Amino acid sequence: MTAKFASLAEVWDALSDLPQQDANALELARQRSAELTKPLGALGRLEDLAMWYCGWRGDPQARVESPQIIVFAGNHGVTAQDVSAFPPDVTSQMVANFEAGGAAVNQLSDCVGASLTVKPLQLDTPTRDFTQGPAMSEAECLDALNAGVEAVDAQADVLVVGEMGIGNTTCAAAMALALFGGAAQDWTGAGTGLSGDALRHKADVVSQGVEANKNCQGKGLDTLCCLGGREIAAVAGAILQARLLRIPVILDGFICTAAAATLHVDHPGALDHTIAGHVSAESAHAELLRKIGKDPILSLGMRLGEASGGALAISILKAALACHSGMATFAEAGVSDF
C-alpha cells in the first residue's frame, strides 16, 4: 500500500479512516505480560511499550527486527530573514555527511541495527519566505507528503523519521503557534544556538509568518503548506503511511513533533501508532508533546534533530520487547506466582 495521494482531500479521507490496533493481539499481549516471571507492573513503562507495539504489529510476542530510520532534508525561504546561526548551504553539506556515514544518526542507526534512508528534497529550490505568504502551494506540499509516503519501507517493523534543514526550527515554531496559539516567544527556541536579540528577532519572524497566513490557523494540513517545509511535509507523509501499514513510529524532536501535530489537529487519534522517543532541549518541545498527548521515553538534553533521539529510543523499545517476548511465564519456568 504505497499509492500516492492525488490531493490533500485524499489525505483528509485517509485521516478519517485509519487502521486501528489488532484488539486480539493486544489482549493476548496483556495476558502474557501478566503471566511473566515478575511482579505485575515491575517493568513499569517497558510493559506498556511492549503491549502497545504488539497491538500495532498484530503479534502478542512481537520483536523489533527491521527498524527503518529516514532523514528528509529541505531548504527554507524564511532563512532570508536571518533566523539561523548557519547558512542554508549547511543543509546540503550535512546531507553529504549522512550519505558518507559521518553523522550522529549514522552511528546510532548502526547501534540499533536500523537501515538509514536519506532523502534530500529539492535543496536547490527553497520554499518561499512565509512572512510574505504561504511557503508552499498545495501541489508542492502534496509532492513532499508523497515523498514521505514513498520513502517508507513496507517491510519495516518500526519507523523513526528525522529531518535536516537550516531554518526549520523557525518553521516548527510558527506551525506550533498557528496550531495551538499562545505567543511567538513561547514556541521559539535557540535552534542552532541563537540568543538575546537574535532569538527575539526569530520570535518576531515567527509571529509575522503566522500573521501573514491567518487562514491556516487551527488547520493541520493548511498549516503544513503555509508554514512548513518540504522535509516537514515529508515527515508527516511518512508518519501517515506508517499508520496505513500499521508500522509503529517513534517521534524524534521538535520539528518532527510539529509535523506530527498537523495530523493530530486534523484528526485526533491519528498519532495513536506513535510514541515520543525523547524530549529535546529545544525549549518548546515539552509543551508541544503535551499538546499532542505524548510522554517522552528519554530526556537527555539532546537537540540535534536528524532522528538522533528517536534512533536512540529504538534500543528501549527493543529491550521492552525482548523482556515481553523472551521471558518465561510462571508456568513455563515452574515458578510459583508472586
C-alpha atoms as a PDB file:
ATOM      1  CA  MET A   1       0.000   0.000   0.000  1.00  0.00           C
ATOM      2  CA  THR A   2       2.232   2.791  -1.312  1.00  0.00           C
ATOM      3  CA  ALA A   3      -0.186   4.656  -3.559  1.00  0.00           C
ATOM      4  CA  LYS A   4       0.427   8.378  -3.867  1.00  0.00           C
ATOM      5  CA  PHE A   5      -2.190  10.834  -2.673  1.00  0.00           C
ATOM      6  CA  ALA A   6      -3.727  12.718  -5.604  1.00  0.00           C
ATOM      7  CA  SER A   7      -4.880  15.673  -3.488  1.00  0.00           C
ATOM      8  CA  LEU A   8      -4.916  16.979   0.056  1.00  0.00           C
ATOM      9  CA  ALA A   9      -8.577  15.975   0.093  1.00  0.00           C
ATOM     10  CA  GLU A  10      -7.414  12.358  -0.266  1.00  0.00           C
ATOM     11  CA  VAL A  11      -5.096  12.860   2.696  1.00  0.00           C
ATOM     12  CA  TRP A  12      -8.111  14.100   4.670  1.00  0.00           C
ATOM     13  CA  ASP A  13     -10.054  10.995   3.628  1.00  0.00           C
ATOM     14  CA  ALA A  14      -7.194   8.747   4.764  1.00  0.00           C
ATOM     15  CA  LEU A  15      -7.077  10.506   8.132  1.00  0.00           C
ATOM     16  CA  SER A  16     -10.791   9.854   8.639  1.00  0.00           C
ATOM     17  CA  ASP A  17     -10.497   6.093   8.076  1.00  0.00           C
ATOM     18  CA  LEU A  18      -7.298   4.926   9.749  1.00  0.00           C
ATOM     19  CA  PRO A  19      -6.378   1.350  10.699  1.00  0.00           C
ATOM     20  CA  GLN A  20      -6.527   0.561  14.409  1.00  0.00           C
ATOM     21  CA  GLN A  21      -4.601  -1.779  16.689  1.00  0.00           C
ATOM     22  CA  ASP A  22      -5.290  -5.506  16.499  1.00  0.00           C
ATOM     23  CA  ALA A  23      -7.533  -5.877  19.562  1.00  0.00           C
ATOM     24  CA  ASN A  24      -6.966  -9.639  19.844  1.00  0.00           C
ATOM     25  CA  ALA A  25      -3.174  -9.341  19.707  1.00  0.00           C
ATOM     26  CA  LEU A  26      -3.292  -6.542  22.269  1.00  0.00           C
ATOM     27  CA  GLU A  27      -5.388  -8.618  24.679  1.00  0.00           C
ATOM     28  CA  LEU A  28      -3.127 -11.658  24.286  1.00  0.00           C
ATOM     29  CA  ALA A  29      -0.103  -9.435  24.920  1.00  0.00           C
ATOM     30  CA  ARG A  30      -1.741  -8.145  28.108  1.00  0.00           C
ATOM     31  CA  GLN A  31      -2.419 -11.675  29.267  1.00  0.00           C
ATOM     32  CA  ARG A  32       1.167 -12.695  28.556  1.00  0.00           C
ATOM     33  CA  SER A  33       2.559  -9.680  30.410  1.00  0.00           C
ATOM     34  CA  ALA A  34       0.515 -10.631  33.467  1.00  0.00           C
ATOM     35  CA  GLU A  35       1.943 -14.179  33.420  1.00  0.00           C
ATOM     36  CA  LEU A  36       5.661 -13.370  33.075  1.00  0.00           C
ATOM     37  CA  THR A  37       8.104 -14.172  35.870  1.00  0.00           C
ATOM     38  CA  LYS A  38       7.974 -10.792  37.591  1.00  0.00           C
ATOM     39  CA  PRO A  39       5.625  -8.930  39.876  1.00  0.00           C
ATOM     40  CA  LEU A  40       2.794  -7.329  37.924  1.00  0.00           C
ATOM     41  CA  GLY A  41       3.948  -3.946  36.619  1.00  0.00           C
ATOM     42  CA  ALA A  42       7.526  -4.430  37.839  1.00  0.00           C
ATOM     43  CA  LEU A  43       8.991  -3.372  34.472  1.00  0.00           C
ATOM     44  CA  GLY A  44       6.999  -0.159  34.524  1.00  0.00           C
ATOM     45  CA  ARG A  45       6.644   1.605  31.220  1.00  0.00           C
ATOM     46  CA  LEU A  46       8.551  -1.129  29.387  1.00  0.00           C
ATOM     47  CA  GLU A  47       5.436  -3.254  29.780  1.00  0.00           C
ATOM     48  CA  ASP A  48       3.199  -0.575  28.287  1.00  0.00           C
ATOM     49  CA  LEU A  49       5.552  -0.062  25.351  1.00  0.00           C
ATOM     50  CA  ALA A  50       5.664  -3.773  24.597  1.00  0.00           C
ATOM     51  CA  MET A  51       1.890  -4.172  24.648  1.00  0.00           C
ATOM     52  CA  TRP A  52       1.382  -1.039  22.517  1.00  0.00           C
ATOM     53  CA  TYR A  53       3.817  -2.379  19.937  1.00  0.00           C
ATOM     54  CA  CYS A  54       2.333  -5.881  19.880  1.00  0.00           C
ATOM     55  CA  GLY A  55      -1.118  -4.441  19.275  1.00  0.00           C
ATOM     56  CA  TRP A  56       0.027  -2.494  16.243  1.00  0.00           C
ATOM     57  CA  ARG A  57       2.024  -5.380  14.815  1.00  0.00           C
ATOM     58  CA  GLY A  58      -0.768  -7.909  15.385  1.00  0.00           C
ATOM     59  CA  ASP A  59       1.574 -10.258  17.224  1.00  0.00           C
ATOM     60  CA  PRO A  60       1.340 -10.846  21.001  1.00  0.00           C
ATOM     61  CA  GLN A  61       5.032 -11.844  21.120  1.00  0.00           C
ATOM     62  CA  ALA A  62       6.464  -9.357  18.654  1.00  0.00           C
ATOM     63  CA  ARG A  63      10.060  -8.182  18.427  1.00  0.00           C
ATOM     64  CA  VAL A  64      11.792  -5.330  16.592  1.00  0.00           C
ATOM     65  CA  GLU A  65      13.900  -6.845  13.839  1.00  0.00           C
ATOM     66  CA  SER A  66      13.754  -4.427  10.873  1.00  0.00           C
ATOM     67  CA  PRO A  67      13.783  -0.808  12.074  1.00  0.00           C
ATOM     68  CA  GLN A  68      13.950   1.955   9.486  1.00  0.00           C
ATOM     69  CA  ILE A  69      15.204   5.498  10.006  1.00  0.00           C
ATOM     70  CA  ILE A  70      14.524   8.149   7.374  1.00  0.00           C
ATOM     71  CA  VAL A  71      16.114  11.603   7.304  1.00  0.00           C
ATOM     72  CA  PHE A  72      14.435  14.120   4.996  1.00  0.00           C
ATOM     73  CA  ALA A  73      16.188  17.369   4.080  1.00  0.00           C
ATOM     74  CA  GLY A  74      14.822  20.642   2.736  1.00  0.00           C
ATOM     75  CA  ASN A  75      15.677  24.326   2.479  1.00  0.00           C
ATOM     76  CA  HIS A  76      13.565  27.281   3.575  1.00  0.00           C
ATOM     77  CA  GLY A  77      12.948  30.732   2.139  1.00  0.00           C
ATOM     78  CA  VAL A  78      12.464  32.145   5.623  1.00  0.00           C
ATOM     79  CA  THR A  79      16.231  31.927   6.150  1.00  0.00           C
ATOM     80  CA  ALA A  80      16.324  35.216   4.217  1.00  0.00           C
ATOM     81  CA  GLN A  81      15.075  36.735   7.489  1.00  0.00           C
ATOM     82  CA  ASP A  82      18.350  35.818   9.250  1.00  0.00           C
ATOM     83  CA  VAL A  83      16.819  33.292  11.651  1.00  0.00           C
ATOM     84  CA  SER A  84      19.706  30.810  11.870  1.00  0.00           C
ATOM     85  CA  ALA A  85      23.307  30.872  13.006  1.00  0.00           C
ATOM     86  CA  PHE A  86      24.239  28.823   9.918  1.00  0.00           C
ATOM     87  CA  PRO A  87      23.740  29.466   6.176  1.00  0.00           C
ATOM     88  CA  PRO A  88      21.384  27.300   4.056  1.00  0.00           C
ATOM     89  CA  ASP A  89      24.379  25.649   2.358  1.00  0.00           C
ATOM     90  CA  VAL A  90      24.857  23.604   5.518  1.00  0.00           C
ATOM     91  CA  THR A  91      21.745  21.555   4.659  1.00  0.00           C
ATOM     92  CA  SER A  92      23.335  20.022   1.548  1.00  0.00           C
ATOM     93  CA  GLN A  93      26.667  19.661   3.315  1.00  0.00           C
ATOM     94  CA  MET A  94      25.008  17.676   6.100  1.00  0.00           C
ATOM     95  CA  VAL A  95      23.175  15.512   3.575  1.00  0.00           C
ATOM     96  CA  ALA A  96      26.563  14.607   2.121  1.00  0.00           C
ATOM     97  CA  ASN A  97      27.739  13.781   5.638  1.00  0.00           C
ATOM     98  CA  PHE A  98      24.723  11.494   6.206  1.00  0.00           C
ATOM     99  CA  GLU A  99      25.381   9.759   2.910  1.00  0.00           C
ATOM    100  CA  ALA A 100      29.056   9.316   3.793  1.00  0.00           C
ATOM    101  CA  GLY A 101      28.210   7.798   7.190  1.00  0.00           C
ATOM    102  CA  GLY A 102      29.736  10.610   9.243  1.00  0.00           C
ATOM    103  CA  ALA A 103      26.778  11.965  11.228  1.00  0.00           C
ATOM    104  CA  ALA A 104      25.493  11.050  14.662  1.00  0.00           C
ATOM    105  CA  VAL A 105      22.426   9.353  13.205  1.00  0.00           C
ATOM    106  CA  ASN A 106      24.662   7.021  11.191  1.00  0.00           C
ATOM    107  CA  GLN A 107      26.336   5.801  14.367  1.00  0.00           C
ATOM    108  CA  LEU A 108      23.048   5.468  16.245  1.00  0.00           C
ATOM    109  CA  SER A 109      21.455   3.603  13.337  1.00  0.00           C
ATOM    110  CA  ASP A 110      24.310   1.118  13.423  1.00  0.00           C
ATOM    111  CA  CYS A 111      23.922   0.692  17.184  1.00  0.00           C
ATOM    112  CA  VAL A 112      20.272  -0.352  16.903  1.00  0.00           C
ATOM    113  CA  GLY A 113      20.561  -2.298  13.652  1.00  0.00           C
ATOM    114  CA  ALA A 114      18.415   0.102  11.640  1.00  0.00           C
ATOM    115  CA  SER A 115      18.504   0.827   7.939  1.00  0.00           C
ATOM    116  CA  LEU A 116      19.042   4.517   7.203  1.00  0.00           C
ATOM    117  CA  THR A 117      17.377   6.256   4.264  1.00  0.00           C
ATOM    118  CA  VAL A 118      18.433   9.828   3.360  1.00  0.00           C
ATOM    119  CA  LYS A 119      16.030  11.852   1.195  1.00  0.00           C
ATOM    120  CA  PRO A 120      17.020  15.393   0.114  1.00  0.00           C
ATOM    121  CA  LEU A 121      14.040  17.291  -1.331  1.00  0.00           C
ATOM    122  CA  GLN A 122      14.767  19.947  -3.955  1.00  0.00           C
ATOM    123  CA  LEU A 123      17.549  21.573  -1.960  1.00  0.00           C
ATOM    124  CA  ASP A 124      18.250  23.960  -4.834  1.00  0.00           C
ATOM    125  CA  THR A 125      14.664  25.262  -4.627  1.00  0.00           C
ATOM    126  CA  PRO A 126      13.900  26.580  -1.150  1.00  0.00           C
ATOM    127  CA  THR A 127      10.317  27.080  -0.081  1.00  0.00           C
ATOM    128  CA  ARG A 128       9.066  30.667  -0.158  1.00  0.00           C
ATOM    129  CA  ASP A 129       9.547  33.082   2.735  1.00  0.00           C
ATOM    130  CA  PHE A 130       6.394  32.537   4.776  1.00  0.00           C
ATOM    131  CA  THR A 131       6.450  36.083   6.165  1.00  0.00           C
ATOM    132  CA  GLN A 132       5.301  37.071   2.661  1.00  0.00           C
ATOM    133  CA  GLY A 133       2.640  34.367   2.222  1.00  0.00           C
ATOM    134  CA  PRO A 134       2.417  30.547   2.027  1.00  0.00           C
ATOM    135  CA  ALA A 135       5.713  28.669   1.991  1.00  0.00           C
ATOM    136  CA  MET A 136       4.301  26.053  -0.391  1.00  0.00           C
ATOM    137  CA  SER A 137       1.371  25.695  -2.742  1.00  0.00           C
ATOM    138  CA  GLU A 138      -0.988  22.776  -2.173  1.00  0.00           C
ATOM    139  CA  ALA A 139       0.674  20.934  -5.069  1.00  0.00           C
ATOM    140  CA  GLU A 140       4.162  21.479  -3.657  1.00  0.00           C
ATOM    141  CA  CYS A 141       3.082  20.349  -0.213  1.00  0.00           C
ATOM    142  CA  LEU A 142       1.395  17.280  -1.700  1.00  0.00           C
ATOM    143  CA  ASP A 143       4.571  16.359  -3.613  1.00  0.00           C
ATOM    144  CA  ALA A 144       6.551  16.498  -0.370  1.00  0.00           C
ATOM    145  CA  LEU A 145       3.929  14.472   1.518  1.00  0.00           C
ATOM    146  CA  ASN A 146       4.097  11.828  -1.194  1.00  0.00           C
ATOM    147  CA  ALA A 147       7.893  11.773  -0.981  1.00  0.00           C
ATOM    148  CA  GLY A 148       7.402  10.780   2.643  1.00  0.00           C
ATOM    149  CA  VAL A 149       4.856   8.128   1.715  1.00  0.00           C
ATOM    150  CA  GLU A 150       7.173   6.579  -0.859  1.00  0.00           C
ATOM    151  CA  ALA A 151      10.189   6.512   1.456  1.00  0.00           C
ATOM    152  CA  VAL A 152       8.584   4.123   3.970  1.00  0.00           C
ATOM    153  CA  ASP A 153       9.711   0.523   3.627  1.00  0.00           C
ATOM    154  CA  ALA A 154       6.622  -1.685   3.929  1.00  0.00           C
ATOM    155  CA  GLN A 155       8.815  -4.396   5.466  1.00  0.00           C
ATOM    156  CA  ALA A 156       9.983  -2.179   8.335  1.00  0.00           C
ATOM    157  CA  ASP A 157       8.622  -3.034  11.775  1.00  0.00           C
ATOM    158  CA  VAL A 158       9.293   0.331  13.432  1.00  0.00           C
ATOM    159  CA  LEU A 159       9.956   3.733  11.883  1.00  0.00           C
ATOM    160  CA  VAL A 160      11.848   6.799  13.063  1.00  0.00           C
ATOM    161  CA  VAL A 161      11.623   9.916  10.902  1.00  0.00           C
ATOM    162  CA  GLY A 162      14.092  12.776  11.175  1.00  0.00           C
ATOM    163  CA  GLU A 163      14.935  15.950   9.308  1.00  0.00           C
ATOM    164  CA  MET A 164      17.667  18.338   8.291  1.00  0.00           C
ATOM    165  CA  GLY A 165      17.016  21.878   7.121  1.00  0.00           C
ATOM    166  CA  ILE A 166      18.589  25.159   8.164  1.00  0.00           C
ATOM    167  CA  GLY A 167      15.764  27.395   9.384  1.00  0.00           C
ATOM    168  CA  ASN A 168      13.325  24.607  10.187  1.00  0.00           C
ATOM    169  CA  THR A 169      13.032  25.325  13.913  1.00  0.00           C
ATOM    170  CA  THR A 170      11.564  28.667  12.815  1.00  0.00           C
ATOM    171  CA  CYS A 171       9.050  26.775  10.678  1.00  0.00           C
ATOM    172  CA  ALA A 172       8.196  24.394  13.521  1.00  0.00           C
ATOM    173  CA  ALA A 173       7.708  27.286  15.951  1.00  0.00           C
ATOM    174  CA  ALA A 174       5.405  29.068  13.513  1.00  0.00           C
ATOM    175  CA  MET A 175       3.452  25.862  12.949  1.00  0.00           C
ATOM    176  CA  ALA A 176       3.023  25.321  16.691  1.00  0.00           C
ATOM    177  CA  LEU A 177       1.834  28.903  17.135  1.00  0.00           C
ATOM    178  CA  ALA A 178      -0.677  28.542  14.303  1.00  0.00           C
ATOM    179  CA  LEU A 179      -1.953  25.200  15.570  1.00  0.00           C
ATOM    180  CA  PHE A 180      -2.120  25.847  19.305  1.00  0.00           C
ATOM    181  CA  GLY A 181      -1.986  29.600  19.850  1.00  0.00           C
ATOM    182  CA  GLY A 182      -0.091  31.416  22.578  1.00  0.00           C
ATOM    183  CA  ALA A 183       2.727  33.867  21.971  1.00  0.00           C
ATOM    184  CA  ALA A 184       5.525  33.503  19.441  1.00  0.00           C
ATOM    185  CA  GLN A 185       8.207  33.573  22.145  1.00  0.00           C
ATOM    186  CA  ASP A 186       6.531  30.582  23.843  1.00  0.00           C
ATOM    187  CA  TRP A 187       7.297  28.407  20.826  1.00  0.00           C
ATOM    188  CA  THR A 188      10.573  29.921  19.608  1.00  0.00           C
ATOM    189  CA  GLY A 189      13.818  28.356  20.818  1.00  0.00           C
ATOM    190  CA  ALA A 190      17.523  28.651  20.221  1.00  0.00           C
ATOM    191  CA  GLY A 191      17.620  26.278  17.247  1.00  0.00           C
ATOM    192  CA  THR A 192      21.204  26.374  16.013  1.00  0.00           C
ATOM    193  CA  GLY A 193      22.251  28.445  19.017  1.00  0.00           C
ATOM    194  CA  LEU A 194      20.568  31.861  18.888  1.00  0.00           C
ATOM    195  CA  SER A 195      20.189  34.007  21.992  1.00  0.00           C
ATOM    196  CA  GLY A 196      19.471  37.591  23.015  1.00  0.00           C
ATOM    197  CA  ASP A 197      18.446  39.960  20.227  1.00  0.00           C
ATOM    198  CA  ALA A 198      18.826  37.241  17.593  1.00  0.00           C
ATOM    199  CA  LEU A 199      16.360  34.997  19.415  1.00  0.00           C
ATOM    200  CA  ARG A 200      13.906  37.866  19.872  1.00  0.00           C
ATOM    201  CA  HIS A 201      14.180  38.608  16.145  1.00  0.00           C
ATOM    202  CA  LYS A 202      13.441  34.947  15.364  1.00  0.00           C
ATOM    203  CA  ALA A 203      10.281  35.109  17.508  1.00  0.00           C
ATOM    204  CA  ASP A 204       9.224  38.250  15.634  1.00  0.00           C
ATOM    205  CA  VAL A 205       9.655  36.395  12.341  1.00  0.00           C
ATOM    206  CA  VAL A 206       7.544  33.523  13.676  1.00  0.00           C
ATOM    207  CA  SER A 207       4.803  35.989  14.616  1.00  0.00           C
ATOM    208  CA  GLN A 208       4.989  37.688  11.223  1.00  0.00           C
ATOM    209  CA  GLY A 209       4.685  34.335   9.472  1.00  0.00           C
ATOM    210  CA  VAL A 210       1.515  33.371  11.317  1.00  0.00           C
ATOM    211  CA  GLU A 211       0.061  36.851  10.785  1.00  0.00           C
ATOM    212  CA  ALA A 212       0.762  36.563   7.044  1.00  0.00           C
ATOM    213  CA  ASN A 213      -1.023  33.187   6.907  1.00  0.00           C
ATOM    214  CA  LYS A 214      -4.039  33.765   9.152  1.00  0.00           C
ATOM    215  CA  ASN A 215      -6.275  31.394   7.228  1.00  0.00           C
ATOM    216  CA  CYS A 216      -4.221  28.355   8.223  1.00  0.00           C
ATOM    217  CA  GLN A 217      -4.574  28.769  11.975  1.00  0.00           C
ATOM    218  CA  GLY A 218      -6.004  25.720  13.707  1.00  0.00           C
ATOM    219  CA  LYS A 219      -5.899  23.671  10.489  1.00  0.00           C
ATOM    220  CA  GLY A 220      -3.254  20.967  10.306  1.00  0.00           C
ATOM    221  CA  LEU A 221      -2.667  20.380   6.601  1.00  0.00           C
ATOM    222  CA  ASP A 222      -3.145  24.064   5.780  1.00  0.00           C
ATOM    223  CA  THR A 223      -0.529  24.953   8.395  1.00  0.00           C
ATOM    224  CA  LEU A 224       1.817  22.384   6.871  1.00  0.00           C
ATOM    225  CA  CYS A 225       1.504  24.073   3.460  1.00  0.00           C
ATOM    226  CA  CYS A 226       1.695  27.656   4.666  1.00  0.00           C
ATOM    227  CA  LEU A 227       4.374  27.463   7.358  1.00  0.00           C
ATOM    228  CA  GLY A 228       6.156  24.132   6.923  1.00  0.00           C
ATOM    229  CA  GLY A 229       8.834  22.933   4.563  1.00  0.00           C
ATOM    230  CA  ARG A 230       9.315  20.066   2.172  1.00  0.00           C
ATOM    231  CA  GLU A 231      11.130  17.906   4.710  1.00  0.00           C
ATOM    232  CA  ILE A 232       8.493  18.653   7.353  1.00  0.00           C
ATOM    233  CA  ALA A 233       5.673  17.683   4.982  1.00  0.00           C
ATOM    234  CA  ALA A 234       7.583  14.511   4.080  1.00  0.00           C
ATOM    235  CA  VAL A 235       7.834  13.634   7.777  1.00  0.00           C
ATOM    236  CA  ALA A 236       4.049  13.969   8.062  1.00  0.00           C
ATOM    237  CA  GLY A 237       3.562  11.830   4.956  1.00  0.00           C
ATOM    238  CA  ALA A 238       5.822   9.091   6.298  1.00  0.00           C
ATOM    239  CA  ILE A 239       4.033   9.056   9.659  1.00  0.00           C
ATOM    240  CA  LEU A 240       0.671   8.727   7.899  1.00  0.00           C
ATOM    241  CA  GLN A 241       1.925   5.987   5.581  1.00  0.00           C
ATOM    242  CA  ALA A 242       3.289   4.072   8.559  1.00  0.00           C
ATOM    243  CA  ARG A 243      -0.185   4.185  10.133  1.00  0.00           C
ATOM    244  CA  LEU A 244      -1.742   2.798   6.957  1.00  0.00           C
ATOM    245  CA  LEU A 245       0.790  -0.060   7.115  1.00  0.00           C
ATOM    246  CA  ARG A 246       0.399  -0.499  10.917  1.00  0.00           C
ATOM    247  CA  ILE A 247       4.089   0.278  11.420  1.00  0.00           C
ATOM    248  CA  PRO A 248       4.715   1.833  14.868  1.00  0.00           C
ATOM    249  CA  VAL A 249       6.535   5.182  14.775  1.00  0.00           C
ATOM    250  CA  ILE A 250       8.965   6.722  17.247  1.00  0.00           C
ATOM    251  CA  LEU A 251       8.815  10.507  17.038  1.00  0.00           C
ATOM    252  CA  ASP A 252      12.058  12.462  17.156  1.00  0.00           C
ATOM    253  CA  GLY A 253      12.448  16.088  18.243  1.00  0.00           C
ATOM    254  CA  PHE A 254      10.668  19.428  17.977  1.00  0.00           C
ATOM    255  CA  ILE A 255      10.427  19.595  14.196  1.00  0.00           C
ATOM    256  CA  CYS A 256       9.243  16.006  13.797  1.00  0.00           C
ATOM    257  CA  THR A 257       6.670  16.613  16.530  1.00  0.00           C
ATOM    258  CA  ALA A 258       5.417  19.751  14.773  1.00  0.00           C
ATOM    259  CA  ALA A 259       4.933  17.724  11.588  1.00  0.00           C
ATOM    260  CA  ALA A 260       3.061  15.043  13.532  1.00  0.00           C
ATOM    261  CA  ALA A 261       0.922  17.683  15.251  1.00  0.00           C
ATOM    262  CA  THR A 262      -0.621  18.675  11.911  1.00  0.00           C
ATOM    263  CA  LEU A 263      -2.117  15.167  11.635  1.00  0.00           C
ATOM    264  CA  HIS A 264      -3.251  15.252  15.264  1.00  0.00           C
ATOM    265  CA  VAL A 265      -5.033  18.593  14.865  1.00  0.00           C
ATOM    266  CA  ASP A 266      -6.892  17.455  11.752  1.00  0.00           C
ATOM    267  CA  HIS A 267      -7.781  14.055  13.229  1.00  0.00           C
ATOM    268  CA  PRO A 268      -7.311  13.321  16.952  1.00  0.00           C
ATOM    269  CA  GLY A 269      -6.186   9.701  17.152  1.00  0.00           C
ATOM    270  CA  ALA A 270      -4.024   9.961  14.022  1.00  0.00           C
ATOM    271  CA  LEU A 271      -0.920   9.542  16.201  1.00  0.00           C
ATOM    272  CA  ASP A 272      -2.060   6.517  18.216  1.00  0.00           C
ATOM    273  CA  HIS A 273       0.606   4.442  16.457  1.00  0.00           C
ATOM    274  CA  THR A 274       3.362   6.818  17.615  1.00  0.00           C
ATOM    275  CA  ILE A 275       5.393   7.300  20.775  1.00  0.00           C
ATOM    276  CA  ALA A 276       7.752  10.150  21.647  1.00  0.00           C
ATOM    277  CA  GLY A 277      11.336   8.956  21.596  1.00  0.00           C
ATOM    278  CA  HIS A 278      12.663  11.835  23.675  1.00  0.00           C
ATOM    279  CA  VAL A 279      12.097  15.382  24.814  1.00  0.00           C
ATOM    280  CA  SER A 280      14.730  17.662  23.361  1.00  0.00           C
ATOM    281  CA  ALA A 281      16.438  20.701  24.818  1.00  0.00           C
ATOM    282  CA  GLU A 282      14.605  22.909  22.304  1.00  0.00           C
ATOM    283  CA  SER A 283      12.556  24.954  24.726  1.00  0.00           C
ATOM    284  CA  ALA A 284       9.064  24.381  23.308  1.00  0.00           C
ATOM    285  CA  HIS A 285       9.338  20.657  22.627  1.00  0.00           C
ATOM    286  CA  ALA A 286       7.985  19.547  26.005  1.00  0.00           C
ATOM    287  CA  GLU A 287       4.894  21.728  25.610  1.00  0.00           C
ATOM    288  CA  LEU A 288       4.330  20.543  22.056  1.00  0.00           C
ATOM    289  CA  LEU A 289       4.460  16.935  23.257  1.00  0.00           C
ATOM    290  CA  ARG A 290       1.879  17.786  25.913  1.00  0.00           C
ATOM    291  CA  LYS A 291      -0.374  19.281  23.257  1.00  0.00           C
ATOM    292  CA  ILE A 292      -0.400  16.004  21.322  1.00  0.00           C
ATOM    293  CA  GLY A 293      -0.589  13.848  24.454  1.00  0.00           C
ATOM    294  CA  LYS A 294       2.796  12.144  24.271  1.00  0.00           C
ATOM    295  CA  ASP A 295       5.035  11.236  27.214  1.00  0.00           C
ATOM    296  CA  PRO A 296       8.690  11.023  26.082  1.00  0.00           C
ATOM    297  CA  ILE A 297      10.764   7.925  26.729  1.00  0.00           C
ATOM    298  CA  LEU A 298      14.110   9.723  27.115  1.00  0.00           C
ATOM    299  CA  SER A 299      15.231  13.118  28.382  1.00  0.00           C
ATOM    300  CA  LEU A 300      18.923  13.554  27.662  1.00  0.00           C
ATOM    301  CA  GLY A 301      19.228  17.228  26.755  1.00  0.00           C
ATOM    302  CA  MET A 302      19.617  16.421  23.049  1.00  0.00           C
ATOM    303  CA  ARG A 303      18.662  18.942  20.357  1.00  0.00           C
ATOM    304  CA  LEU A 304      20.395  17.645  17.255  1.00  0.00           C
ATOM    305  CA  GLY A 305      17.436  16.545  15.168  1.00  0.00           C
ATOM    306  CA  GLU A 306      18.291  14.215  12.259  1.00  0.00           C
ATOM    307  CA  ALA A 307      16.321  11.400  14.039  1.00  0.00           C
ATOM    308  CA  SER A 308      19.009  11.058  16.719  1.00  0.00           C
ATOM    309  CA  GLY A 309      16.723  10.949  19.772  1.00  0.00           C
ATOM    310  CA  GLY A 310      14.225   8.663  18.086  1.00  0.00           C
ATOM    311  CA  ALA A 311      17.007   6.345  16.951  1.00  0.00           C
ATOM    312  CA  LEU A 312      18.303   6.062  20.493  1.00  0.00           C
ATOM    313  CA  ALA A 313      14.806   5.198  21.738  1.00  0.00           C
ATOM    314  CA  ILE A 314      14.685   2.166  19.436  1.00  0.00           C
ATOM    315  CA  SER A 315      17.014   0.475  21.908  1.00  0.00           C
ATOM    316  CA  ILE A 316      14.490   0.995  24.709  1.00  0.00           C
ATOM    317  CA  LEU A 317      11.670  -0.423  22.608  1.00  0.00           C
ATOM    318  CA  LYS A 318      13.843  -3.397  21.669  1.00  0.00           C
ATOM    319  CA  ALA A 319      14.595  -4.011  25.338  1.00  0.00           C
ATOM    320  CA  ALA A 320      10.904  -3.822  26.236  1.00  0.00           C
ATOM    321  CA  LEU A 321      10.027  -6.415  23.616  1.00  0.00           C
ATOM    322  CA  ALA A 322      12.966  -8.667  24.483  1.00  0.00           C
ATOM    323  CA  CYS A 323      11.595  -8.902  28.007  1.00  0.00           C
ATOM    324  CA  HIS A 324       7.980  -9.259  26.957  1.00  0.00           C
ATOM    325  CA  SER A 325       8.521 -11.835  24.230  1.00  0.00           C
ATOM    326  CA  GLY A 326      11.563 -13.637  25.617  1.00  0.00           C
ATOM    327  CA  MET A 327      10.879 -14.020  29.331  1.00  0.00           C
ATOM    328  CA  ALA A 328       9.338 -17.222  30.622  1.00  0.00           C
ATOM    329  CA  THR A 329       5.878 -17.313  32.112  1.00  0.00           C
ATOM    330  CA  PHE A 330       5.407 -18.646  35.640  1.00  0.00           C
ATOM    331  CA  ALA A 331       4.076 -21.888  34.207  1.00  0.00           C
ATOM    332  CA  GLU A 332       6.978 -22.279  31.754  1.00  0.00           C
ATOM    333  CA  ALA A 333       9.570 -21.617  34.448  1.00  0.00           C
ATOM    334  CA  GLY A 334       7.908 -23.702  37.148  1.00  0.00           C
ATOM    335  CA  VAL A 335       7.906 -20.686  39.473  1.00  0.00           C
ATOM    336  CA  SER A 336       5.127 -20.020  41.961  1.00  0.00           C
ATOM    337  CA  ASP A 337       3.047 -16.985  41.017  1.00  0.00           C
ATOM    338  CA  PHE A 338       4.014 -13.859  43.025  1.00  0.00           C
END
